[in-house]
PDB file of N, CA and C in Angstrom:
ATOM      1  N   MET A   1       0.827  -1.168   0.000  1.00  0.00           N
ATOM      2  CA  MET A   1       0.000   0.000   0.000  1.00  0.00           C
ATOM      3  C   MET A   1       0.878   1.240   0.000  1.00  0.00           C
ATOM      4  N   VAL A   2       0.447   2.246  -0.702  1.00  0.00           N
ATOM      5  CA  VAL A   2       1.242   3.468  -0.825  1.00  0.00           C
ATOM      6  C   VAL A   2       0.799   4.437   0.253  1.00  0.00           C
ATOM      7  N   ASP A   3       1.795   4.900   1.021  1.00  0.00           N
ATOM      8  CA  ASP A   3       1.514   5.857   2.089  1.00  0.00           C
ATOM      9  C   ASP A   3       1.394   7.255   1.472  1.00  0.00           C
ATOM     10  N   GLY A   4       0.415   8.020   1.925  1.00  0.00           N
ATOM     11  CA  GLY A   4       0.181   9.354   1.402  1.00  0.00           C
ATOM     12  C   GLY A   4       1.329  10.302   1.674  1.00  0.00           C
ATOM     13  N   ARG A   5       1.987  10.129   2.813  1.00  0.00           N
ATOM     14  CA  ARG A   5       3.098  11.018   3.167  1.00  0.00           C
ATOM     15  C   ARG A   5       4.312  10.768   2.285  1.00  0.00           C
ATOM     16  N   GLN A   6       4.540   9.520   1.966  1.00  0.00           N
ATOM     17  CA  GLN A   6       5.708   9.196   1.160  1.00  0.00           C
ATOM     18  C   GLN A   6       5.547   9.703  -0.276  1.00  0.00           C
ATOM     19  N   SER A   7       4.418   9.618  -0.843  1.00  0.00           N
ATOM     20  CA  SER A   7       4.218  10.070  -2.219  1.00  0.00           C
ATOM     21  C   SER A   7       4.143  11.604  -2.288  1.00  0.00           C
ATOM     22  N   ASN A   8       3.792  12.233  -1.205  1.00  0.00           N
ATOM     23  CA  ASN A   8       3.653  13.679  -1.154  1.00  0.00           C
ATOM     24  C   ASN A   8       5.011  14.372  -0.966  1.00  0.00           C
ATOM     25  N   THR A   9       5.989  13.713  -0.383  1.00  0.00           N
ATOM     26  CA  THR A   9       7.282  14.321  -0.069  1.00  0.00           C
ATOM     27  C   THR A   9       8.019  14.815  -1.305  1.00  0.00           C
ATOM     28  N   PRO A  10       8.163  14.060  -2.373  1.00  0.00           N
ATOM     29  CA  PRO A  10       8.835  14.588  -3.569  1.00  0.00           C
ATOM     30  C   PRO A  10       8.085  15.775  -4.164  1.00  0.00           C
ATOM     31  N   ALA A  11       6.771  15.776  -4.100  1.00  0.00           N
ATOM     32  CA  ALA A  11       5.990  16.901  -4.617  1.00  0.00           C
ATOM     33  C   ALA A  11       6.260  18.147  -3.789  1.00  0.00           C
ATOM     34  N   ARG A  12       6.385  17.950  -2.468  1.00  0.00           N
ATOM     35  CA  ARG A  12       6.684  19.102  -1.603  1.00  0.00           C
ATOM     36  C   ARG A  12       8.079  19.644  -1.894  1.00  0.00           C
ATOM     37  N   ARG A  13       9.036  18.749  -2.094  1.00  0.00           N
ATOM     38  CA  ARG A  13      10.393  19.198  -2.406  1.00  0.00           C
ATOM     39  C   ARG A  13      10.408  19.963  -3.727  1.00  0.00           C
ATOM     40  N   THR A  14       9.686  19.485  -4.693  1.00  0.00           N
ATOM     41  CA  THR A  14       9.592  20.173  -5.975  1.00  0.00           C
ATOM     42  C   THR A  14       8.908  21.526  -5.796  1.00  0.00           C
ATOM     43  N   ASN A  15       7.886  21.547  -4.990  1.00  0.00           N
ATOM     44  CA  ASN A  15       7.174  22.778  -4.706  1.00  0.00           C
ATOM     45  C   ASN A  15       8.089  23.770  -3.994  1.00  0.00           C
ATOM     46  N   TYR A  16       8.840  23.295  -3.000  1.00  0.00           N
ATOM     47  CA  TYR A  16       9.755  24.167  -2.264  1.00  0.00           C
ATOM     48  C   TYR A  16      10.866  24.683  -3.171  1.00  0.00           C
ATOM     49  N   SER A  17      11.408  23.837  -3.994  1.00  0.00           N
ATOM     50  CA  SER A  17      12.489  24.274  -4.894  1.00  0.00           C
ATOM     51  C   SER A  17      11.939  25.296  -5.904  1.00  0.00           C
ATOM     52  N   TYR A  18      10.717  25.110  -6.355  1.00  0.00           N
ATOM     53  CA  TYR A  18      10.101  26.086  -7.250  1.00  0.00           C
ATOM     54  C   TYR A  18       9.927  27.428  -6.556  1.00  0.00           C
ATOM     55  N   ILE A  19       9.457  27.378  -5.320  1.00  0.00           N
ATOM     56  CA  ILE A  19       9.273  28.614  -4.550  1.00  0.00           C
ATOM     57  C   ILE A  19      10.621  29.275  -4.290  1.00  0.00           C
ATOM     58  N   GLU A  20      11.639  28.473  -3.969  1.00  0.00           N
ATOM     59  CA  GLU A  20      12.971  29.033  -3.749  1.00  0.00           C
ATOM     60  C   GLU A  20      13.519  29.675  -5.018  1.00  0.00           C
ATOM     61  N   GLU A  21      13.290  29.061  -6.145  1.00  0.00           N
ATOM     62  CA  GLU A  21      13.734  29.644  -7.417  1.00  0.00           C
ATOM     63  C   GLU A  21      13.027  30.962  -7.680  1.00  0.00           C
ATOM     64  N   GLN A  22      11.730  30.987  -7.396  1.00  0.00           N
ATOM     65  CA  GLN A  22      10.984  32.229  -7.564  1.00  0.00           C
ATOM     66  C   GLN A  22      11.518  33.310  -6.626  1.00  0.00           C
ATOM     67  N   ASN A  23      11.784  32.931  -5.374  1.00  0.00           N
ATOM     68  CA  ASN A  23      12.318  33.893  -4.410  1.00  0.00           C
ATOM     69  C   ASN A  23      13.676  34.429  -4.860  1.00  0.00           C
ATOM     70  N   GLU A  24      14.524  33.547  -5.361  1.00  0.00           N
ATOM     71  CA  GLU A  24      15.834  33.989  -5.846  1.00  0.00           C
ATOM     72  C   GLU A  24      15.695  34.915  -7.040  1.00  0.00           C
ATOM     73  N   ALA A  25      14.809  34.585  -7.954  1.00  0.00           N
ATOM     74  CA  ALA A  25      14.597  35.433  -9.130  1.00  0.00           C
ATOM     75  C   ALA A  25      14.064  36.799  -8.711  1.00  0.00           C
ATOM     76  N   ARG A  26      13.122  36.802  -7.790  1.00  0.00           N
ATOM     77  CA  ARG A  26      12.562  38.078  -7.319  1.00  0.00           C
ATOM     78  C   ARG A  26      13.597  38.866  -6.526  1.00  0.00           C
ATOM     79  N   THR A  27      14.446  38.170  -5.783  1.00  0.00           N
ATOM     80  CA  THR A  27      15.507  38.838  -5.035  1.00  0.00           C
ATOM     81  C   THR A  27      16.497  39.494  -5.991  1.00  0.00           C
ATOM     82  N   GLU A  28      16.850  38.794  -7.064  1.00  0.00           N
ATOM     83  CA  GLU A  28      17.743  39.366  -8.067  1.00  0.00           C
ATOM     84  C   GLU A  28      17.105  40.578  -8.744  1.00  0.00           C
ATOM     85  N   LEU A  29      15.829  40.464  -9.041  1.00  0.00           N
ATOM     86  CA  LEU A  29      15.118  41.589  -9.659  1.00  0.00           C
ATOM     87  C   LEU A  29      15.087  42.776  -8.704  1.00  0.00           C
ATOM     88  N   LEU A  30      14.795  42.516  -7.444  1.00  0.00           N
ATOM     89  CA  LEU A  30      14.775  43.581  -6.444  1.00  0.00           C
ATOM     90  C   LEU A  30      16.153  44.205  -6.298  1.00  0.00           C
ATOM     91  N   ASN A  31      17.191  43.378  -6.321  1.00  0.00           N
ATOM     92  CA  ASN A  31      18.558  43.875  -6.215  1.00  0.00           C
ATOM     93  C   ASN A  31      18.902  44.784  -7.393  1.00  0.00           C
ATOM     94  N   SER A  32      18.479  44.408  -8.592  1.00  0.00           N
ATOM     95  CA  SER A  32      18.756  45.244  -9.763  1.00  0.00           C
ATOM     96  C   SER A  32      17.999  46.570  -9.674  1.00  0.00           C
ATOM     97  N   LYS A  33      16.768  46.514  -9.179  1.00  0.00           N
ATOM     98  CA  LYS A  33      15.994  47.760  -9.017  1.00  0.00           C
ATOM     99  C   LYS A  33      16.636  48.664  -7.971  1.00  0.00           C
ATOM    100  N   VAL A  34      17.130  48.087  -6.892  1.00  0.00           N
ATOM    101  CA  VAL A  34      17.800  48.874  -5.858  1.00  0.00           C
ATOM    102  C   VAL A  34      19.058  49.523  -6.426  1.00  0.00           C
ATOM    103  N   ASN A  35      19.814  48.780  -7.235  1.00  0.00           N
ATOM    104  CA  ASN A  35      21.010  49.342  -7.863  1.00  0.00           C
ATOM    105  C   ASN A  35      20.660  50.474  -8.820  1.00  0.00           C
ATOM    106  N   GLN A  36      19.564  50.330  -9.561  1.00  0.00           N
ATOM    107  CA  GLN A  36      19.108  51.400 -10.448  1.00  0.00           C
ATOM    108  C   GLN A  36      18.733  52.635  -9.642  1.00  0.00           C
ATOM    109  N   LEU A  37      18.022  52.436  -8.538  1.00  0.00           N
ATOM    110  CA  LEU A  37      17.641  53.569  -7.700  1.00  0.00           C
ATOM    111  C   LEU A  37      18.868  54.244  -7.088  1.00  0.00           C
ATOM    112  N   LYS A  38      19.846  53.447  -6.714  1.00  0.00           N
ATOM    113  CA  LYS A  38      21.086  54.001  -6.162  1.00  0.00           C
ATOM    114  C   LYS A  38      21.784  54.860  -7.207  1.00  0.00           C
ATOM    115  N   HIS A  39      21.877  54.343  -8.415  1.00  0.00           N
ATOM    116  CA  HIS A  39      22.503  55.091  -9.510  1.00  0.00           C
ATOM    117  C   HIS A  39      21.739  56.388  -9.782  1.00  0.00           C
ATOM    118  N   LEU A  40      20.429  56.308  -9.783  1.00  0.00           N
ATOM    119  CA  LEU A  40      19.597  57.484 -10.003  1.00  0.00           C
ATOM    120  C   LEU A  40      19.785  58.510  -8.886  1.00  0.00           C
ATOM    121  N   ALA A  41      19.875  58.049  -7.645  1.00  0.00           N
ATOM    122  CA  ALA A  41      20.085  58.955  -6.513  1.00  0.00           C
ATOM    123  C   ALA A  41      21.445  59.651  -6.622  1.00  0.00           C
ATOM    124  N   VAL A  42      22.462  58.930  -7.077  1.00  0.00           N
ATOM    125  CA  VAL A  42      23.787  59.533  -7.263  1.00  0.00           C
ATOM    126  C   VAL A  42      23.723  60.600  -8.352  1.00  0.00           C
ATOM    127  N   GLN A  43      23.023  60.314  -9.433  1.00  0.00           N
ATOM    128  CA  GLN A  43      22.877  61.293 -10.512  1.00  0.00           C
ATOM    129  C   GLN A  43      22.130  62.530 -10.042  1.00  0.00           C
ATOM    130  N   ILE A  44      21.082  62.336  -9.252  1.00  0.00           N
ATOM    131  CA  ILE A  44      20.326  63.470  -8.716  1.00  0.00           C
ATOM    132  C   ILE A  44      21.224  64.303  -7.817  1.00  0.00           C
ATOM    133  N   GLY A  45      22.045  63.653  -7.003  1.00  0.00           N
ATOM    134  CA  GLY A  45      22.965  64.381  -6.128  1.00  0.00           C
ATOM    135  C   GLY A  45      23.968  65.204  -6.915  1.00  0.00           C
ATOM    136  N   GLU A  46      24.516  64.634  -7.988  1.00  0.00           N
ATOM    137  CA  GLU A  46      25.463  65.365  -8.826  1.00  0.00           C
ATOM    138  C   GLU A  46      24.798  66.550  -9.504  1.00  0.00           C
ATOM    139  N   GLU A  47      23.589  66.342 -10.011  1.00  0.00           N
ATOM    140  CA  GLU A  47      22.859  67.439 -10.661  1.00  0.00           C
ATOM    141  C   GLU A  47      22.523  68.537  -9.662  1.00  0.00           C
ATOM    142  N   THR A  48      22.188  68.159  -8.441  1.00  0.00           N
ATOM    143  CA  THR A  48      21.886  69.143  -7.411  1.00  0.00           C
ATOM    144  C   THR A  48      23.117  69.978  -7.090  1.00  0.00           C
ATOM    145  N   LYS A  49      24.273  69.338  -6.983  1.00  0.00           N
ATOM    146  CA  LYS A  49      25.511  70.082  -6.732  1.00  0.00           C
ATOM    147  C   LYS A  49      25.798  71.058  -7.871  1.00  0.00           C
ATOM    148  N   PHE A  50      25.605  70.600  -9.106  1.00  0.00           N
ATOM    149  CA  PHE A  50      25.837  71.466 -10.260  1.00  0.00           C
ATOM    150  C   PHE A  50      24.883  72.660 -10.243  1.00  0.00           C
ATOM    151  N   GLN A  51      23.603  72.395  -9.982  1.00  0.00           N
ATOM    152  CA  GLN A  51      22.617  73.480  -9.962  1.00  0.00           C
ATOM    153  C   GLN A  51      22.891  74.463  -8.828  1.00  0.00           C
ATOM    154  N   ASN A  52      23.313  73.969  -7.666  1.00  0.00           N
ATOM    155  CA  ASN A  52      23.643  74.861  -6.553  1.00  0.00           C
ATOM    156  C   ASN A  52      24.833  75.749  -6.905  1.00  0.00           C
ATOM    157  N   LYS A  53      25.835  75.167  -7.576  1.00  0.00           N
ATOM    158  CA  LYS A  53      26.983  75.961  -8.005  1.00  0.00           C
ATOM    159  C   LYS A  53      26.546  77.041  -8.999  1.00  0.00           C
ATOM    160  N   TYR A  54      25.689  76.641  -9.937  1.00  0.00           N
ATOM    161  CA  TYR A  54      25.184  77.593 -10.933  1.00  0.00           C
ATOM    162  C   TYR A  54      24.382  78.709 -10.265  1.00  0.00           C
ATOM    163  N   LEU A  55      23.545  78.359  -9.305  1.00  0.00           N
ATOM    164  CA  LEU A  55      22.751  79.377  -8.609  1.00  0.00           C
ATOM    165  C   LEU A  55      23.631  80.318  -7.800  1.00  0.00           C
ATOM    166  N   LYS A  56      24.698  79.812  -7.207  1.00  0.00           N
ATOM    167  CA  LYS A  56      25.615  80.666  -6.457  1.00  0.00           C
ATOM    168  C   LYS A  56      26.285  81.661  -7.389  1.00  0.00           C
ATOM    169  N   GLU A  57      26.740  81.189  -8.557  1.00  0.00           N
ATOM    170  CA  GLU A  57      27.343  82.091  -9.536  1.00  0.00           C
ATOM    171  C   GLU A  57      26.345  83.137 -10.013  1.00  0.00           C
ATOM    172  N   LEU A  58      25.120  82.718 -10.242  1.00  0.00           N
ATOM    173  CA  LEU A  58      24.074  83.646 -10.667  1.00  0.00           C
ATOM    174  C   LEU A  58      23.815  84.681  -9.582  1.00  0.00           C
ATOM    175  N   HIS A  59      23.780  84.245  -8.345  1.00  0.00           N
ATOM    176  CA  HIS A  59      23.562  85.159  -7.218  1.00  0.00           C
ATOM    177  C   HIS A  59      24.705  86.169  -7.128  1.00  0.00           C
ATOM    178  N   ASP A  60      25.931  85.709  -7.282  1.00  0.00           N
ATOM    179  CA  ASP A  60      27.077  86.610  -7.248  1.00  0.00           C
ATOM    180  C   ASP A  60      27.018  87.626  -8.387  1.00  0.00           C
ATOM    181  N   ASN A  61      26.646  87.163  -9.581  1.00  0.00           N
ATOM    182  CA  ASN A  61      26.513  88.079 -10.719  1.00  0.00           C
ATOM    183  C   ASN A  61      25.412  89.105 -10.492  1.00  0.00           C
ATOM    184  N   MET A  62      24.309  88.659  -9.904  1.00  0.00           N
ATOM    185  CA  MET A  62      23.212  89.594  -9.629  1.00  0.00           C
ATOM    186  C   MET A  62      23.622  90.629  -8.578  1.00  0.00           C
ATOM    187  N   ASP A  63      24.381  90.199  -7.578  1.00  0.00           N
ATOM    188  CA  ASP A  63      24.876  91.156  -6.584  1.00  0.00           C
ATOM    189  C   ASP A  63      25.783  92.191  -7.227  1.00  0.00           C
ATOM    190  N   HIS A  64      26.661  91.731  -8.119  1.00  0.00           N
ATOM    191  CA  HIS A  64      27.563  92.651  -8.809  1.00  0.00           C
ATOM    192  C   HIS A  64      26.767  93.635  -9.671  1.00  0.00           C
ATOM    193  N   THR A  65      25.781  93.133 -10.395  1.00  0.00           N
ATOM    194  CA  THR A  65      24.943  93.987 -11.231  1.00  0.00           C
ATOM    195  C   THR A  65      24.163  94.973 -10.386  1.00  0.00           C
ATOM    196  N   ASP A  66      23.665  94.511  -9.249  1.00  0.00           N
ATOM    197  CA  ASP A  66      22.931  95.395  -8.343  1.00  0.00           C
ATOM    198  C   ASP A  66      23.817  96.538  -7.850  1.00  0.00           C
ATOM    199  N   SER A  67      25.063  96.229  -7.517  1.00  0.00           N
ATOM    200  CA  SER A  67      25.961  97.289  -7.061  1.00  0.00           C
ATOM    201  C   SER A  67      26.270  98.273  -8.188  1.00  0.00           C
ATOM    202  N   LEU A  68      26.424  97.767  -9.427  1.00  0.00           N
ATOM    203  CA  LEU A  68      26.665  98.674 -10.555  1.00  0.00           C
ATOM    204  C   LEU A  68      25.460  99.576 -10.813  1.00  0.00           C
ATOM    205  N   VAL A  69      24.270  99.006 -10.746  1.00  0.00           N
ATOM    206  CA  VAL A  69      23.057  99.808 -10.955  1.00  0.00           C
ATOM    207  C   VAL A  69      22.916 100.833  -9.830  1.00  0.00           C
ATOM    208  N   GLY A  70      23.235 100.434  -8.617  1.00  0.00           N
ATOM    209  CA  GLY A  70      23.174 101.371  -7.487  1.00  0.00           C
ATOM    210  C   GLY A  70      24.141 102.525  -7.662  1.00  0.00           C
ATOM    211  N   GLN A  71      25.354 102.235  -8.135  1.00  0.00           N
ATOM    212  CA  GLN A  71      26.324 103.303  -8.382  1.00  0.00           C
ATOM    213  C   GLN A  71      25.824 104.251  -9.472  1.00  0.00           C
ATOM    214  N   ALA A  72      25.281 103.684 -10.544  1.00  0.00           N
ATOM    215  CA  ALA A  72      24.757 104.514 -11.631  1.00  0.00           C
ATOM    216  C   ALA A  72      23.589 105.367 -11.136  1.00  0.00           C
ATOM    217  N   ARG A  73      22.752 104.778 -10.304  1.00  0.00           N
ATOM    218  CA  ARG A  73      21.608 105.533  -9.758  1.00  0.00           C
ATOM    219  C   ARG A  73      22.088 106.699  -8.896  1.00  0.00           C
ATOM    220  N   ARG A  74      23.093 106.454  -8.067  1.00  0.00           N
ATOM    221  CA  ARG A  74      23.629 107.533  -7.223  1.00  0.00           C
ATOM    222  C   ARG A  74      24.223 108.648  -8.081  1.00  0.00           C
ATOM    223  N   ARG A  75      24.891 108.273  -9.170  1.00  0.00           N
ATOM    224  CA  ARG A  75      25.461 109.306 -10.047  1.00  0.00           C
ATOM    225  C   ARG A  75      24.372 110.138 -10.715  1.00  0.00           C
ATOM    226  N   VAL A  76      23.301 109.466 -11.152  1.00  0.00           N
ATOM    227  CA  VAL A  76      22.198 110.187 -11.784  1.00  0.00           C
ATOM    228  C   VAL A  76      21.531 111.111 -10.773  1.00  0.00           C
ATOM    229  N   LEU A  77      21.334 110.624  -9.552  1.00  0.00           N
ATOM    230  CA  LEU A  77      20.742 111.485  -8.520  1.00  0.00           C
ATOM    231  C   LEU A  77      21.641 112.670  -8.200  1.00  0.00           C
ATOM    232  N   LEU A  78      22.941 112.434  -8.143  1.00  0.00           N
ATOM    233  CA  LEU A  78      23.887 113.529  -7.904  1.00  0.00           C
ATOM    234  C   LEU A  78      23.832 114.532  -9.043  1.00  0.00           C
ATOM    235  N   LEU A  79      23.727 114.036 -10.249  1.00  0.00           N
ATOM    236  CA  LEU A  79      23.614 114.898 -11.422  1.00  0.00           C
ATOM    237  C   LEU A  79      22.309 115.690 -11.381  1.00  0.00           C
ATOM    238  N   ALA A  80      21.236 115.029 -10.947  1.00  0.00           N
ATOM    239  CA  ALA A  80      19.935 115.705 -10.877  1.00  0.00           C
ATOM    240  C   ALA A  80      19.944 116.780  -9.807  1.00  0.00           C
ATOM    241  N   ARG A  81      20.666 116.566  -8.728  1.00  0.00           N
ATOM    242  CA  ARG A  81      20.715 117.561  -7.637  1.00  0.00           C
ATOM    243  C   ARG A  81      21.559 118.769  -7.999  1.00  0.00           C
ATOM    244  N   SER A  82      22.373 118.627  -9.026  1.00  0.00           N
ATOM    245  CA  SER A  82      23.217 119.766  -9.412  1.00  0.00           C
ATOM    246  C   SER A  82      22.367 120.907  -9.951  1.00  0.00           C
ATOM    247  N   GLY A  83      21.154 120.615 -10.396  1.00  0.00           N
ATOM    248  CA  GLY A  83      20.214 121.660 -10.782  1.00  0.00           C
ATOM    249  C   GLY A  83      20.388 122.167 -12.196  1.00  0.00           C
ATOM    250  N   SER A  84      21.159 121.523 -12.989  1.00  0.00           N
ATOM    251  CA  SER A  84      21.364 121.984 -14.348  1.00  0.00           C
ATOM    252  C   SER A  84      20.229 121.494 -15.236  1.00  0.00           C
ATOM    253  N   TRP A  85      19.472 122.434 -15.787  1.00  0.00           N
ATOM    254  CA  TRP A  85      18.332 122.067 -16.625  1.00  0.00           C
ATOM    255  C   TRP A  85      18.776 121.578 -17.989  1.00  0.00           C
ATOM    256  N   LYS A  86      20.006 121.952 -18.394  1.00  0.00           N
ATOM    257  CA  LYS A  86      20.514 121.529 -19.702  1.00  0.00           C
ATOM    258  C   LYS A  86      20.709 120.008 -19.739  1.00  0.00           C
ATOM    259  N   ILE A  87      21.108 119.439 -18.632  1.00  0.00           N
ATOM    260  CA  ILE A  87      21.336 117.999 -18.595  1.00  0.00           C
ATOM    261  C   ILE A  87      20.022 117.252 -18.798  1.00  0.00           C
ATOM    262  N   TYR A  88      18.951 117.759 -18.182  1.00  0.00           N
ATOM    263  CA  TYR A  88      17.638 117.135 -18.386  1.00  0.00           C
ATOM    264  C   TYR A  88      17.214 117.231 -19.845  1.00  0.00           C
ATOM    265  N   LEU A  89      17.490 118.380 -20.459  1.00  0.00           N
ATOM    266  CA  LEU A  89      17.141 118.570 -21.863  1.00  0.00           C
ATOM    267  C   LEU A  89      17.934 117.596 -22.734  1.00  0.00           C
ATOM    268  N   TYR A  90      19.225 117.464 -22.492  1.00  0.00           N
ATOM    269  CA  TYR A  90      20.048 116.529 -23.258  1.00  0.00           C
ATOM    270  C   TYR A  90      19.579 115.077 -23.050  1.00  0.00           C
ATOM    271  N   LEU A  91      19.247 114.749 -21.841  1.00  0.00           N
ATOM    272  CA  LEU A  91      18.768 113.400 -21.543  1.00  0.00           C
ATOM    273  C   LEU A  91      17.450 113.127 -22.266  1.00  0.00           C
ATOM    274  N   LEU A  92      16.549 114.108 -22.273  1.00  0.00           N
ATOM    275  CA  LEU A  92      15.267 113.954 -22.959  1.00  0.00           C
ATOM    276  C   LEU A  92      15.468 113.829 -24.467  1.00  0.00           C
ATOM    277  N   LEU A  93      16.346 114.636 -25.033  1.00  0.00           N
ATOM    278  CA  LEU A  93      16.606 114.564 -26.467  1.00  0.00           C
ATOM    279  C   LEU A  93      17.279 113.233 -26.846  1.00  0.00           C
ATOM    280  N   PHE A  94      18.181 112.771 -26.015  1.00  0.00           N
ATOM    281  CA  PHE A  94      18.832 111.492 -26.267  1.00  0.00           C
ATOM    282  C   PHE A  94      17.818 110.353 -26.234  1.00  0.00           C
ATOM    283  N   ALA A  95      16.921 110.354 -25.244  1.00  0.00           N
ATOM    284  CA  ALA A  95      15.897 109.317 -25.151  1.00  0.00           C
ATOM    285  C   ALA A  95      14.973 109.365 -26.363  1.00  0.00           C
ATOM    286  N   LEU A  96      14.606 110.556 -26.795  1.00  0.00           N
ATOM    287  CA  LEU A  96      13.754 110.716 -27.979  1.00  0.00           C
ATOM    288  C   LEU A  96      14.467 110.196 -29.230  1.00  0.00           C
ATOM    289  N   PHE A  97      15.745 110.502 -29.355  1.00  0.00           N
ATOM    290  CA  PHE A  97      16.521 110.031 -30.495  1.00  0.00           C
ATOM    291  C   PHE A  97      16.578 108.503 -30.517  1.00  0.00           C
ATOM    292  N   ILE A  98      16.844 107.887 -29.393  1.00  0.00           N
ATOM    293  CA  ILE A  98      16.899 106.420 -29.310  1.00  0.00           C
ATOM    294  C   ILE A  98      15.535 105.822 -29.656  1.00  0.00           C
ATOM    295  N   PHE A  99      14.466 106.435 -29.146  1.00  0.00           N
ATOM    296  CA  PHE A  99      13.116 105.948 -29.454  1.00  0.00           C
ATOM    297  C   PHE A  99      12.857 106.005 -30.957  1.00  0.00           C
ATOM    298  N   LEU A 100      13.235 107.101 -31.606  1.00  0.00           N
ATOM    299  CA  LEU A 100      13.007 107.237 -33.047  1.00  0.00           C
ATOM    300  C   LEU A 100      13.852 106.222 -33.843  1.00  0.00           C
ATOM    301  N   VAL A 101      15.084 106.010 -33.439  1.00  0.00           N
ATOM    302  CA  VAL A 101      15.931 105.040 -34.131  1.00  0.00           C
ATOM    303  C   VAL A 101      15.313 103.654 -34.032  1.00  0.00           C
ATOM    304  N   ILE A 102      14.890 103.264 -32.847  1.00  0.00           N
ATOM    305  CA  ILE A 102      14.266 101.950 -32.661  1.00  0.00           C
ATOM    306  C   ILE A 102      12.974 101.854 -33.465  1.00  0.00           C
ATOM    307  N   TYR A 103      12.198 102.936 -33.480  1.00  0.00           N
ATOM    308  CA  TYR A 103      10.934 102.934 -34.217  1.00  0.00           C
ATOM    309  C   TYR A 103      11.177 102.692 -35.709  1.00  0.00           C
ATOM    310  N   PHE A 104      12.173 103.399 -36.282  1.00  0.00           N
ATOM    311  CA  PHE A 104      12.434 103.243 -37.709  1.00  0.00           C
ATOM    312  C   PHE A 104      13.090 101.891 -38.029  1.00  0.00           C
ATOM    313  N   LEU A 105      13.858 101.339 -37.104  1.00  0.00           N
ATOM    314  CA  LEU A 105      14.443 100.021 -37.325  1.00  0.00           C
ATOM    315  C   LEU A 105      13.381  98.925 -37.322  1.00  0.00           C
ATOM    316  N   ILE A 106      12.408  99.066 -36.455  1.00  0.00           N
ATOM    317  CA  ILE A 106      11.328  98.080 -36.385  1.00  0.00           C
ATOM    318  C   ILE A 106      10.404  98.192 -37.587  1.00  0.00           C
ATOM    319  N   LYS A 107      10.152  99.429 -38.010  1.00  0.00           N
ATOM    320  CA  LYS A 107       9.241  99.682 -39.112  1.00  0.00           C
ATOM    321  C   LYS A 107       9.886  99.196 -40.371  1.00  0.00           C
TER     322      LYS A 107
END
């Protein structure tokens, strides 16, 4: 007579080995995904460093430009306080001339 436990044992071993193979395959897949995420995180970190460096340079350039504009503004205010009406007239004529040149270039 065939015992149920004896005939079931090879099937269980086959079942366990199949499950182990599946677990190993899934573990390898998970490992590859983790490596991809690690690589992606490293790339994001490098890009962040590059962007931070770029933003710092941009900030420094904007500070320099701000100081130049401030100096020019102080000079114009000093010129305006001198009270010379001729300078205002020259400035107005220069602005009008530039406007006309741009108008004719566009037209």
